[in-house]
Amino acid sequence: MKFLWFVVSGLIGGAFAGMGMGGGTFLIPLLNIFYDVEQHLCQAINLISFIPMAVISLILHFKNKLVDTKGVLYIIIPGTLTAIGGCFLAKIIKGELLKRIFGGFLIGLAILQLILFIKEVKKGNKKVKEI
């Protein structure tokens, strides 16, 4: 039965990744909270699973002409450098603290999205009202 839940987790994480929202925002908490997988291992599993999902998603997004490559190096270069630093930092941080940092990040992201949504509602954005 546990295998089935891992497959379901992968499917949902893949759907989020395919939409460009990052499957890790779903996969990491799911593995950590419901399957009791250690935080460092959750992040490693997420990174490994991200590679094939990102490749397929990128191919499909290019095919559908949804990728704008202007200025992409300005994102890739600093992102790659800080990812290297983040890997070293994650290695020295204890799993419990790493879990709290990730949880704080998700809560902060949710609050930011809620604030932006409320601002759009106040502006009278028709697309927001349709939701």
Protein backbone atom coordinates (compact mmCIF):
# COMPACT_ATOMS: atom_id res chain seq x y z
CA MET A 1 0.00 0.00 0.00
CA LYS A 2 2.90 2.35 0.77
CA PHE A 3 4.15 1.84 -2.80
CA LEU A 4 0.81 3.09 -4.15
CA TRP A 5 1.06 6.29 -2.09
CA PHE A 6 4.59 6.89 -3.38
CA VAL A 7 3.28 6.53 -6.94
CA VAL A 8 0.40 8.93 -6.23
CA SER A 9 2.88 11.38 -4.66
CA GLY A 10 5.05 11.15 -7.78
CA LEU A 11 2.08 11.76 -10.05
CA ILE A 12 0.94 14.83 -8.14
CA GLY A 13 4.51 16.15 -7.83
CA GLY A 14 4.99 15.62 -11.56
CA ALA A 15 1.78 17.50 -12.36
CA PHE A 16 2.94 20.47 -10.27
CA ALA A 17 6.40 20.34 -11.87
CA GLY A 18 4.87 20.17 -15.35
CA MET A 19 2.90 23.32 -14.66
CA GLY A 20 6.12 25.06 -13.62
CA MET A 21 5.13 25.35 -9.97
CA GLY A 22 7.74 22.98 -8.61
CA GLY A 23 6.78 19.51 -7.47
CA GLY A 24 9.00 19.85 -4.41
CA THR A 25 6.53 22.15 -2.68
CA PHE A 26 4.25 19.12 -2.56
CA LEU A 27 6.69 16.21 -2.58
CA ILE A 28 9.02 17.28 0.24
CA PRO A 29 6.31 17.87 2.89
CA LEU A 30 4.48 14.71 1.82
CA LEU A 31 7.56 12.52 2.17
CA ASN A 32 8.58 14.15 5.42
CA ILE A 33 5.23 14.37 7.19
CA PHE A 34 3.34 11.31 5.96
CA TYR A 35 6.17 8.88 5.21
CA ASP A 36 8.54 10.02 7.97
CA VAL A 37 11.47 10.39 5.57
CA GLU A 38 14.36 12.51 6.97
CA GLN A 39 14.47 16.08 5.59
CA HIS A 40 17.85 15.79 3.87
CA LEU A 41 16.71 12.59 2.11
CA CYS A 42 13.40 14.25 1.09
CA GLN A 43 15.31 17.05 -0.57
CA ALA A 44 17.65 14.60 -2.30
CA ILE A 45 14.72 12.52 -3.59
CA ASN A 46 13.05 15.70 -4.82
CA LEU A 47 16.18 16.85 -6.65
CA ILE A 48 16.70 13.47 -8.32
CA SER A 49 13.05 13.20 -9.36
CA PHE A 50 13.16 16.80 -10.60
CA ILE A 51 15.69 16.04 -13.35
CA PRO A 52 13.51 13.87 -15.65
CA MET A 53 10.38 15.91 -14.84
CA ALA A 54 12.16 19.16 -15.72
CA VAL A 55 13.57 17.77 -18.96
CA ILE A 56 10.19 16.51 -20.19
CA SER A 57 8.39 19.68 -19.04
CA LEU A 58 10.95 21.89 -20.75
CA ILE A 59 10.68 19.94 -24.02
CA LEU A 60 6.89 20.26 -23.98
CA HIS A 61 6.98 23.95 -23.03
CA PHE A 62 9.44 24.65 -25.87
CA LYS A 63 7.23 22.69 -28.25
CA ASN A 64 4.21 24.77 -27.20
CA LYS A 65 6.24 27.99 -27.52
CA LEU A 66 5.80 28.84 -23.82
CA VAL A 67 9.49 29.52 -23.12
CA ASP A 68 11.03 32.96 -23.52
CA THR A 69 14.83 32.59 -23.55
CA LYS A 70 15.64 36.30 -23.29
CA GLY A 71 17.74 36.97 -20.22
CA VAL A 72 17.77 33.32 -19.16
CA LEU A 73 21.52 33.39 -18.45
CA TYR A 74 20.89 36.14 -15.89
CA ILE A 75 18.84 33.57 -13.98
CA ILE A 76 20.86 30.41 -14.70
CA ILE A 77 24.30 31.68 -13.69
CA PRO A 78 23.47 33.16 -10.26
CA GLY A 79 20.95 30.37 -9.65
CA THR A 80 23.57 27.70 -10.29
CA LEU A 81 26.16 29.43 -8.11
CA THR A 82 23.78 29.90 -5.19
CA ALA A 83 22.52 26.30 -5.59
CA ILE A 84 26.08 25.11 -5.03
CA GLY A 85 26.30 27.26 -1.92
CA GLY A 86 22.89 26.03 -0.78
CA CYS A 87 24.02 22.41 -1.10
CA PHE A 88 26.99 23.01 1.18
CA LEU A 89 24.81 24.96 3.61
CA ALA A 90 22.13 22.23 3.69
CA LYS A 91 24.80 19.66 4.50
CA ILE A 92 25.88 21.48 7.66
CA ILE A 93 22.35 22.39 8.85
CA LYS A 94 20.59 19.80 11.01
CA GLY A 95 17.52 18.14 9.50
CA GLU A 96 15.10 19.59 12.06
CA LEU A 97 16.24 23.17 11.37
CA LEU A 98 16.16 22.52 7.63
CA LYS A 99 12.56 21.31 7.99
CA ARG A 100 11.61 24.48 9.87
CA ILE A 101 13.31 26.72 7.29
CA PHE A 102 11.47 24.96 4.46
CA GLY A 103 8.17 25.17 6.36
CA GLY A 104 8.75 28.88 7.00
CA PHE A 105 9.46 29.37 3.30
CA LEU A 106 6.17 27.68 2.35
CA ILE A 107 4.21 29.71 4.91
CA GLY A 108 5.85 32.94 3.71
CA LEU A 109 5.05 32.04 0.11
CA ALA A 110 1.42 31.33 1.01
CA ILE A 111 1.10 34.67 2.83
CA LEU A 112 2.63 36.53 -0.11
CA GLN A 113 0.25 34.85 -2.56
CA LEU A 114 -2.72 35.69 -0.33
CA ILE A 115 -1.66 39.36 -0.13
CA LEU A 116 -1.24 39.55 -3.92
CA PHE A 117 -4.63 37.88 -4.42
CA ILE A 118 -6.33 40.37 -2.07
CA LYS A 119 -4.69 43.29 -3.91
CA GLU A 120 -5.99 41.97 -7.24
CA VAL A 121 -9.49 41.58 -5.81
CA LYS A 122 -9.40 45.17 -4.52
CA LYS A 123 -8.28 46.38 -7.98
CA GLY A 124 -11.33 44.69 -9.45
CA ASN A 125 -9.41 42.27 -11.64
CA LYS A 126 -12.05 40.30 -13.58
CA LYS A 127 -9.87 37.19 -13.86
CA VAL A 128 -9.59 36.99 -10.06
CA LYS A 129 -13.35 37.43 -9.61
CA GLU A 130 -13.94 34.43 -11.90
CA ILE A 131 -12.12 32.20 -9.40
